[in-house]
Protein backbone atom coordinates (compact mmCIF):
# COMPACT_ATOMS: atom_id res chain seq x y z
CA ASP A 1 60.80 -3.72 68.51
CA ALA A 2 59.36 -5.98 71.15
CA MET A 3 62.75 -7.11 71.42
CA PRO A 4 64.81 -4.23 72.30
CA HIS A 5 67.55 -5.96 74.15
CA GLY A 6 67.92 -9.10 71.56
CA GLY A 7 66.62 -12.05 72.05
CA SER A 8 65.17 -15.20 69.20
CA VAL A 9 61.99 -15.29 66.99
CA THR A 10 61.10 -19.00 66.27
CA VAL A 11 58.90 -19.27 63.07
CA GLU A 12 57.50 -22.75 63.03
CA THR A 13 55.04 -24.15 59.97
CA ALA A 14 52.59 -27.66 60.34
CA ASN A 15 50.51 -29.38 58.66
CA ILE A 16 47.38 -30.00 60.34
CA VAL A 17 44.29 -32.78 59.45
CA THR A 18 40.41 -32.41 60.91
CA ASP A 19 38.11 -34.85 59.81
CA ASP A 20 36.62 -31.61 57.91
CA ALA A 21 39.59 -29.60 56.90
CA ALA A 22 43.15 -29.33 56.57
CA PHE A 23 45.12 -26.61 57.57
CA VAL A 24 48.54 -25.36 57.01
CA GLU A 25 49.84 -23.32 60.40
CA LEU A 26 52.39 -20.90 60.43
CA ARG A 27 53.49 -19.77 64.03
CA LEU A 28 56.08 -17.03 64.94
CA THR A 29 57.21 -16.58 68.55
CA ASP A 30 59.53 -14.25 69.97
CA THR A 31 61.00 -13.35 73.36
CA GLY A 32 60.39 -10.26 74.21
CA VAL A 33 58.22 -8.00 76.56
CA GLY A 34 55.07 -9.50 75.69
CA MET A 35 51.58 -7.72 75.90
CA THR A 36 48.85 -7.38 78.70
CA VAL A 37 45.66 -8.23 78.52
CA GLU A 38 44.32 -4.85 77.44
CA GLU A 39 46.79 -4.71 74.23
CA ARG A 40 46.25 -8.67 73.71
CA GLU A 41 42.06 -7.34 72.95
CA GLN A 42 43.20 -4.13 70.78
CA LEU A 43 45.68 -5.85 69.23
CA PHE A 44 44.20 -6.23 65.67
CA ASP A 45 42.36 -3.01 65.83
CA PRO A 46 43.09 -0.07 63.25
CA PHE A 47 45.53 2.56 64.50
CA PHE A 48 46.00 0.91 68.24
CA THR A 49 49.45 1.06 68.64
CA THR A 50 52.02 1.28 71.49
CA LYS A 51 55.20 2.95 69.45
CA GLU A 52 55.81 6.63 69.83
CA GLY A 53 54.37 8.05 66.62
CA GLY A 54 53.48 4.40 65.46
CA THR A 55 50.49 4.26 62.98
CA GLY A 56 49.03 0.74 64.02
CA LEU A 57 48.18 -0.38 60.71
CA GLY A 58 50.67 -3.42 60.35
CA LEU A 59 48.38 -5.99 62.02
CA ALA A 60 45.71 -4.66 60.72
CA THR A 61 46.72 -5.26 57.80
CA VAL A 62 47.83 -8.99 58.72
CA TYR A 63 44.29 -9.64 59.60
CA GLY A 64 43.03 -8.54 56.58
CA VAL A 65 45.07 -10.77 55.16
CA VAL A 66 44.71 -13.78 56.32
CA GLU A 67 41.15 -13.09 56.89
CA GLN A 68 40.83 -12.63 53.19
CA SER A 69 42.41 -15.78 52.51
CA GLY A 70 39.82 -17.88 54.80
CA GLY A 71 41.88 -18.26 57.72
CA THR A 72 42.45 -17.32 61.38
CA ILE A 73 44.73 -15.57 63.53
CA GLU A 74 45.22 -15.80 67.29
CA VAL A 75 48.18 -14.50 69.89
CA GLU A 76 49.17 -15.60 73.06
CA SER A 77 51.46 -13.28 75.09
CA SER A 78 52.20 -12.10 78.58
CA PRO A 79 54.14 -9.24 80.33
CA GLY A 80 57.53 -10.40 79.85
CA LEU A 81 57.15 -13.60 78.47
CA GLY A 82 57.02 -13.10 74.77
CA SER A 83 54.29 -13.43 72.39
CA SER A 84 53.42 -16.24 69.82
CA PHE A 85 51.13 -15.66 66.98
CA ARG A 86 49.36 -18.90 65.10
CA ILE A 87 48.22 -18.55 61.97
CA LEU A 88 45.45 -21.29 59.93
CA LEU A 89 45.45 -21.28 56.51
CA PRO A 90 43.29 -23.48 54.71
CA ALA A 91 45.29 -26.17 52.79
CA ALA A 92 45.11 -26.50 48.76
CA GLU A 93 43.03 -29.06 48.30
CA ALA A 94 44.82 -30.34 44.89
CA ALA A 95 48.39 -29.52 43.79
CA LEU A 96 49.10 -26.57 41.52
CA GLU A 97 48.41 -27.25 37.71
CA GLU A 98 51.69 -27.23 35.65
CA HIS A 99 51.84 -24.44 33.00
CA ASP A 100 54.00 -24.16 30.19
CA ALA A 101 56.49 -20.62 31.73
CA THR A 102 55.88 -18.14 29.59
CA PRO A 103 58.15 -15.47 30.64
CA LEU A 104 56.59 -12.13 31.38
CA ALA A 105 57.36 -8.72 29.90
CA ALA A 106 60.06 -6.60 31.47
CA PRO A 107 58.56 -3.91 33.48
CA ALA A 108 58.76 -0.64 31.32
CA HIS A 109 60.87 1.86 32.75
CA GLY A 110 60.29 5.76 33.21
CA ASP A 111 60.92 8.84 33.76
CA GLU A 112 57.94 10.36 35.03
CA SER A 113 57.31 12.28 38.54
CA ILE A 114 55.37 10.59 40.97
CA LEU A 115 53.61 11.17 44.36
CA LEU A 116 53.79 9.22 46.52
CA VAL A 117 51.26 8.91 50.01
CA GLU A 118 52.03 6.28 52.33
CA ASP A 119 51.74 6.66 56.29
CA GLU A 120 54.01 3.01 56.65
CA LEU A 121 57.63 4.19 57.04
CA ILE A 122 58.64 0.67 55.89
CA VAL A 123 55.94 -0.13 52.80
CA ARG A 124 56.76 3.97 51.67
CA GLN A 125 60.52 3.22 51.07
CA LEU A 126 59.88 -0.16 49.34
CA VAL A 127 57.70 1.19 46.82
CA ALA A 128 59.69 4.20 46.50
CA GLU A 129 62.45 2.44 46.00
CA ILE A 130 60.78 0.24 43.23
CA LEU A 131 59.77 3.40 41.47
CA GLN A 132 63.05 4.63 41.56
CA ALA A 133 64.85 2.05 41.10
CA ASN A 134 62.76 1.75 36.97
CA GLY A 135 63.71 5.51 36.34
CA TYR A 136 61.10 7.69 38.08
CA THR A 137 61.12 10.25 40.07
CA VAL A 138 59.09 10.05 43.21
CA LEU A 139 58.27 12.67 46.05
CA GLN A 140 57.44 10.78 49.50
CA ALA A 141 54.99 11.97 52.01
CA ALA A 142 53.19 10.23 55.31
CA ASP A 143 50.38 11.66 55.09
CA GLY A 144 48.17 13.90 53.05
CA PRO A 145 48.89 17.14 54.33
CA SER A 146 52.69 16.72 53.76
CA ALA A 147 51.85 15.77 50.19
CA LEU A 148 49.75 18.57 49.76
CA GLU A 149 52.38 20.70 50.99
CA LEU A 150 55.44 18.71 49.42
CA LEU A 151 53.27 19.60 46.26
CA ARG A 152 52.56 23.76 46.75
CA ARG A 153 56.49 23.61 47.00
CA HIS A 154 57.08 21.41 43.69
CA SER A 155 57.39 23.74 40.50
CA GLY A 156 57.65 20.38 38.28
CA PRO A 157 54.77 18.21 37.14
CA ILE A 158 53.53 15.34 38.78
CA GLU A 159 52.19 12.96 36.23
CA LEU A 160 51.20 9.73 39.02
CA LEU A 161 49.58 10.16 42.51
CA VAL A 162 49.91 6.58 44.22
CA THR A 163 47.93 6.68 47.45
CA ASP A 164 46.95 4.54 50.65
CA VAL A 165 43.59 3.97 50.58
CA VAL A 166 42.89 4.19 54.53
CA MET A 167 45.44 6.75 56.76
CA PRO A 168 45.13 8.85 59.83
CA GLY A 169 43.19 12.45 59.19
CA MET A 170 43.34 12.50 55.43
CA SER A 171 42.45 9.27 53.06
CA GLY A 172 43.32 8.31 50.55
CA PRO A 173 40.23 9.75 48.23
CA GLU A 174 40.39 12.95 50.07
CA VAL A 175 44.17 13.59 49.16
CA ALA A 176 43.76 12.73 45.44
CA ASN A 177 40.42 14.85 45.65
CA ALA A 178 42.90 17.62 46.74
CA VAL A 179 45.93 16.68 44.36
CA CYS A 180 43.72 16.62 41.39
CA ALA A 181 42.28 19.82 42.06
CA MET A 182 45.81 21.51 42.49
CA ARG A 183 46.77 19.01 39.45
CA PRO A 184 44.25 18.73 36.89
CA GLY A 185 45.16 15.61 35.00
CA THR A 186 47.07 13.61 37.71
CA GLN A 187 46.56 10.03 37.63
CA VAL A 188 45.72 7.81 40.64
CA LEU A 189 46.78 4.48 41.94
CA TYR A 190 45.20 3.18 44.92
CA ILE A 191 47.01 0.96 47.58
CA SER A 192 45.78 -1.29 50.36
CA GLY A 193 46.08 -4.16 52.54
CA TYR A 194 42.72 -4.12 53.86
CA THR A 195 40.44 -6.69 52.43
CA ASP A 196 37.26 -5.22 50.15
CA SER A 197 34.81 -4.83 53.07
CA ALA A 198 36.79 -2.65 54.59
CA ILE A 199 37.60 -0.06 51.74
CA GLY A 200 34.54 -0.51 49.90
CA HIS A 201 32.69 2.97 51.43
CA HIS A 202 35.64 4.75 49.89
CA GLY A 203 35.17 3.88 46.55
CA VAL A 204 38.37 3.07 45.48
CA LEU A 205 36.70 -0.28 43.88
CA GLU A 206 34.34 1.35 41.50
CA PRO A 207 35.02 0.45 37.54
CA GLY A 208 37.60 2.68 36.26
CA ILE A 209 39.41 3.05 39.66
CA ALA A 210 43.04 2.25 39.86
CA PHE A 211 43.79 -0.17 42.81
CA LEU A 212 46.44 -2.43 44.05
CA GLN A 213 45.86 -4.89 46.77
CA LYS A 214 48.74 -5.24 48.91
CA PRO A 215 51.26 -6.89 49.74
CA PHE A 216 52.02 -7.25 45.62
CA SER A 217 55.13 -7.50 43.86
CA ALA A 218 57.62 -5.20 41.95
CA ASP A 219 56.30 -6.44 38.56
CA ASP A 220 52.98 -6.00 39.32
CA LEU A 221 53.67 -2.52 41.10
CA THR A 222 55.44 -0.84 37.83
CA ARG A 223 52.98 -2.31 35.16
CA LYS A 224 50.35 -0.60 37.10
CA VAL A 225 51.89 2.37 37.36
CA ARG A 226 53.14 2.36 33.36
CA GLY A 227 50.05 1.12 32.51
CA LEU A 228 48.32 4.24 34.01
CA LEU A 229 51.09 6.88 32.08
CA ASP A 230 50.64 5.56 28.87
CA GLY A 231 46.54 5.44 29.52
CA ALA A 232 46.32 1.70 29.19
CA ALA A 233 44.04 -0.80 31.44
CA VAL A 234 46.71 -3.11 32.56
CA VAL A 235 45.06 -5.65 34.87
CA VAL A 236 46.99 -7.52 37.90
CA ASP A 237 45.76 -10.77 38.81
């Protein structure tokens, strides 16, 4: 989107060692349209976007992941001169220990129907593809009102609701309350890329609430979904 007429994206990595600490640097630089000072100041704010119809949650999620990992993120940009993002993450203090490789059990397939509510198009499509590839029927909605309207028109069963926590308009818990009122007994799985401190007030981190932190793998998702549908407590590291 930042390079409507083409260009290049350069990805660089480096090890940085100071007197006090060691870091891994990740730098991404594009030759795109760049940003104004005002845009840079709001870049990581939730729901800030320069795209028509965008949600503005992409870079807010990136900021949350970096911050939760103990790192920092900076951006340099000027109109017409492209943008450069610099991420510093703490280096591991020791090499990973070797363990005997124990293959994970193949994720269980299913044939249940799942209502997926996710405002980020790419994330929604990816989650839907993973679930559909494992046999599930997936009804997709970009927001709460659309999900409820979809549910009103759907005469078949809905066994599971998978919903993002932070969305414009109705939040994930508000969607879940409405869905469960319409279809009692529906299981609920919350997903979010925000930090614990950012979503704690939504109540989705309380004991007994099913939650999956973005980014997650296909195995994480399918094991969590199968565990909820089977009524088993599945823990995803």
